[in-house]
Amino acid sequence: MYNRLTFCFLLNLMACAHQLVDDILNKKTSSSGLKDLLS
């Protein structure tokens, strides 16, 4: 049970972090090719 909860928590945390990174990249590199390299 504990391992399952920890796994779900980590997945949610990673998803949130990934979304934040995407938002930052979209704002900073809206007109450059860096976004294409990272996608």
PDB file of N, CA and C in Angstrom:
ATOM      1  N   MET A   1       0.833  -1.210   0.000  1.00  0.00           N
ATOM      2  CA  MET A   1       0.000   0.000   0.000  1.00  0.00           C
ATOM      3  C   MET A   1       0.863   1.254   0.000  1.00  0.00           C
ATOM      4  N   TYR A   2       1.848   1.267   0.870  1.00  0.00           N
ATOM      5  CA  TYR A   2       2.709   2.452   0.951  1.00  0.00           C
ATOM      6  C   TYR A   2       3.454   2.683  -0.357  1.00  0.00           C
ATOM      7  N   ASN A   3       3.993   1.608  -0.926  1.00  0.00           N
ATOM      8  CA  ASN A   3       4.730   1.749  -2.181  1.00  0.00           C
ATOM      9  C   ASN A   3       3.827   2.273  -3.295  1.00  0.00           C
ATOM     10  N   ARG A   4       2.588   1.804  -3.295  1.00  0.00           N
ATOM     11  CA  ARG A   4       1.646   2.231  -4.338  1.00  0.00           C
ATOM     12  C   ARG A   4       1.334   3.719  -4.205  1.00  0.00           C
ATOM     13  N   LEU A   5       1.134   4.177  -2.974  1.00  0.00           N
ATOM     14  CA  LEU A   5       0.853   5.596  -2.753  1.00  0.00           C
ATOM     15  C   LEU A   5       2.057   6.449  -3.154  1.00  0.00           C
ATOM     16  N   THR A   6       3.236   5.983  -2.792  1.00  0.00           N
ATOM     17  CA  THR A   6       4.450   6.728  -3.141  1.00  0.00           C
ATOM     18  C   THR A   6       4.615   6.814  -4.653  1.00  0.00           C
ATOM     19  N   PHE A   7       4.336   5.707  -5.340  1.00  0.00           N
ATOM     20  CA  PHE A   7       4.457   5.674  -6.793  1.00  0.00           C
ATOM     21  C   PHE A   7       3.498   6.662  -7.443  1.00  0.00           C
ATOM     22  N   CYS A   8       2.248   6.680  -6.965  1.00  0.00           N
ATOM     23  CA  CYS A   8       1.257   7.612  -7.516  1.00  0.00           C
ATOM     24  C   CYS A   8       1.675   9.052  -7.253  1.00  0.00           C
ATOM     25  N   PHE A   9       2.198   9.297  -6.052  1.00  0.00           N
ATOM     26  CA  PHE A   9       2.641  10.645  -5.712  1.00  0.00           C
ATOM     27  C   PHE A   9       3.770  11.095  -6.627  1.00  0.00           C
ATOM     28  N   LEU A  10       4.728  10.210  -6.860  1.00  0.00           N
ATOM     29  CA  LEU A  10       5.852  10.554  -7.729  1.00  0.00           C
ATOM     30  C   LEU A  10       5.390  10.796  -9.162  1.00  0.00           C
ATOM     31  N   LEU A  11       4.453   9.987  -9.630  1.00  0.00           N
ATOM     32  CA  LEU A  11       3.932  10.184 -10.994  1.00  0.00           C
ATOM     33  C   LEU A  11       3.257  11.543 -11.119  1.00  0.00           C
ATOM     34  N   ASN A  12       2.457  11.905 -10.125  1.00  0.00           N
ATOM     35  CA  ASN A  12       1.779  13.203 -10.153  1.00  0.00           C
ATOM     36  C   ASN A  12       2.788  14.336 -10.091  1.00  0.00           C
ATOM     37  N   LEU A  13       3.809  14.179  -9.270  1.00  0.00           N
ATOM     38  CA  LEU A  13       4.830  15.203  -9.134  1.00  0.00           C
ATOM     39  C   LEU A  13       5.578  15.398 -10.452  1.00  0.00           C
ATOM     40  N   MET A  14       5.922  14.278 -11.094  1.00  0.00           N
ATOM     41  CA  MET A  14       6.626  14.361 -12.376  1.00  0.00           C
ATOM     42  C   MET A  14       5.753  15.001 -13.446  1.00  0.00           C
ATOM     43  N   ALA A  15       4.466  14.679 -13.440  1.00  0.00           N
ATOM     44  CA  ALA A  15       3.549  15.262 -14.423  1.00  0.00           C
ATOM     45  C   ALA A  15       3.439  16.770 -14.218  1.00  0.00           C
ATOM     46  N   CYS A  16       3.350  17.199 -12.961  1.00  0.00           N
ATOM     47  CA  CYS A  16       3.269  18.633 -12.666  1.00  0.00           C
ATOM     48  C   CYS A  16       4.555  19.338 -13.089  1.00  0.00           C
ATOM     49  N   ALA A  17       5.691  18.737 -12.782  1.00  0.00           N
ATOM     50  CA  ALA A  17       6.975  19.338 -13.136  1.00  0.00           C
ATOM     51  C   ALA A  17       7.113  19.437 -14.650  1.00  0.00           C
ATOM     52  N   HIS A  18       6.684  18.397 -15.357  1.00  0.00           N
ATOM     53  CA  HIS A  18       6.771  18.401 -16.813  1.00  0.00           C
ATOM     54  C   HIS A  18       5.895  19.501 -17.401  1.00  0.00           C
ATOM     55  N   GLN A  19       4.713  19.685 -16.825  1.00  0.00           N
ATOM     56  CA  GLN A  19       3.817  20.737 -17.302  1.00  0.00           C
ATOM     57  C   GLN A  19       4.422  22.112 -17.062  1.00  0.00           C
ATOM     58  N   LEU A  20       5.054  22.295 -15.891  1.00  0.00           N
ATOM     59  CA  LEU A  20       5.689  23.576 -15.593  1.00  0.00           C
ATOM     60  C   LEU A  20       6.831  23.853 -16.558  1.00  0.00           C
ATOM     61  N   VAL A  21       7.629  22.835 -16.836  1.00  0.00           N
ATOM     62  CA  VAL A  21       8.742  22.991 -17.777  1.00  0.00           C
ATOM     63  C   VAL A  21       8.212  23.353 -19.159  1.00  0.00           C
ATOM     64  N   ASP A  22       7.148  22.688 -19.584  1.00  0.00           N
ATOM     65  CA  ASP A  22       6.552  22.995 -20.891  1.00  0.00           C
ATOM     66  C   ASP A  22       6.080  24.447 -20.940  1.00  0.00           C
ATOM     67  N   ASP A  23       5.439  24.911 -19.867  1.00  0.00           N
ATOM     68  CA  ASP A  23       4.947  26.287 -19.830  1.00  0.00           C
ATOM     69  C   ASP A  23       6.108  27.274 -19.919  1.00  0.00           C
ATOM     70  N   ILE A  24       7.185  26.998 -19.164  1.00  0.00           N
ATOM     71  CA  ILE A  24       8.346  27.899 -19.165  1.00  0.00           C
ATOM     72  C   ILE A  24       8.987  27.922 -20.553  1.00  0.00           C
ATOM     73  N   LEU A  25       9.141  26.741 -21.150  1.00  0.00           N
ATOM     74  CA  LEU A  25       9.760  26.677 -22.473  1.00  0.00           C
ATOM     75  C   LEU A  25       8.904  27.386 -23.515  1.00  0.00           C
ATOM     76  N   ASN A  26       7.593  27.236 -23.410  1.00  0.00           N
ATOM     77  CA  ASN A  26       6.702  27.882 -24.375  1.00  0.00           C
ATOM     78  C   ASN A  26       6.801  29.398 -24.267  1.00  0.00           C
ATOM     79  N   LYS A  27       6.992  29.907 -23.055  1.00  0.00           N
ATOM     80  CA  LYS A  27       7.094  31.360 -22.876  1.00  0.00           C
ATOM     81  C   LYS A  27       8.460  31.882 -23.311  1.00  0.00           C
ATOM     82  N   LYS A  28       9.513  31.138 -22.971  1.00  0.00           N
ATOM     83  CA  LYS A  28      10.866  31.632 -23.248  1.00  0.00           C
ATOM     84  C   LYS A  28      11.290  31.423 -24.695  1.00  0.00           C
ATOM     85  N   THR A  29      10.844  30.313 -25.292  1.00  0.00           N
ATOM     86  CA  THR A  29      11.343  29.976 -26.631  1.00  0.00           C
ATOM     87  C   THR A  29      10.196  29.860 -27.632  1.00  0.00           C
ATOM     88  N   SER A  30       9.291  30.817 -27.592  1.00  0.00           N
ATOM     89  CA  SER A  30       8.128  30.748 -28.478  1.00  0.00           C
ATOM     90  C   SER A  30       8.532  30.926 -29.939  1.00  0.00           C
ATOM     91  N   SER A  31       9.648  31.604 -30.209  1.00  0.00           N
ATOM     92  CA  SER A  31      10.013  31.895 -31.596  1.00  0.00           C
ATOM     93  C   SER A  31      11.343  31.270 -31.993  1.00  0.00           C
ATOM     94  N   SER A  32      11.931  30.411 -31.130  1.00  0.00           N
ATOM     95  CA  SER A  32      13.209  29.792 -31.479  1.00  0.00           C
ATOM     96  C   SER A  32      13.040  28.305 -31.713  1.00  0.00           C
ATOM     97  N   GLY A  33      14.103  27.634 -32.160  1.00  0.00           N
ATOM     98  CA  GLY A  33      14.013  26.213 -32.469  1.00  0.00           C
ATOM     99  C   GLY A  33      14.346  25.321 -31.285  1.00  0.00           C
ATOM    100  N   LEU A  34      14.613  25.899 -30.110  1.00  0.00           N
ATOM    101  CA  LEU A  34      14.982  25.094 -28.956  1.00  0.00           C
ATOM    102  C   LEU A  34      13.848  24.158 -28.547  1.00  0.00           C
ATOM    103  N   LYS A  35      12.621  24.643 -28.665  1.00  0.00           N
ATOM    104  CA  LYS A  35      11.459  23.835 -28.295  1.00  0.00           C
ATOM    105  C   LYS A  35      11.371  22.584 -29.170  1.00  0.00           C
ATOM    106  N   ASP A  36      11.714  22.718 -30.450  1.00  0.00           N
ATOM    107  CA  ASP A  36      11.656  21.573 -31.345  1.00  0.00           C
ATOM    108  C   ASP A  36      12.714  20.528 -30.967  1.00  0.00           C
ATOM    109  N   LEU A  37      13.851  20.984 -30.467  1.00  0.00           N
ATOM    110  CA  LEU A  37      14.899  20.053 -30.075  1.00  0.00           C
ATOM    111  C   LEU A  37      14.507  19.254 -28.839  1.00  0.00           C
ATOM    112  N   LEU A  38      13.777  19.895 -27.932  1.00  0.00           N
ATOM    113  CA  LEU A  38      13.433  19.248 -26.669  1.00  0.00           C
ATOM    114  C   LEU A  38      12.168  18.405 -26.742  1.00  0.00           C
ATOM    115  N   SER A  39      11.392  18.576 -27.800  1.00  0.00           N
ATOM    116  CA  SER A  39      10.117  17.855 -27.864  1.00  0.00           C
ATOM    117  C   SER A  39      10.306  16.421 -28.359  1.00  0.00           C
TER     118      SER A  39
END
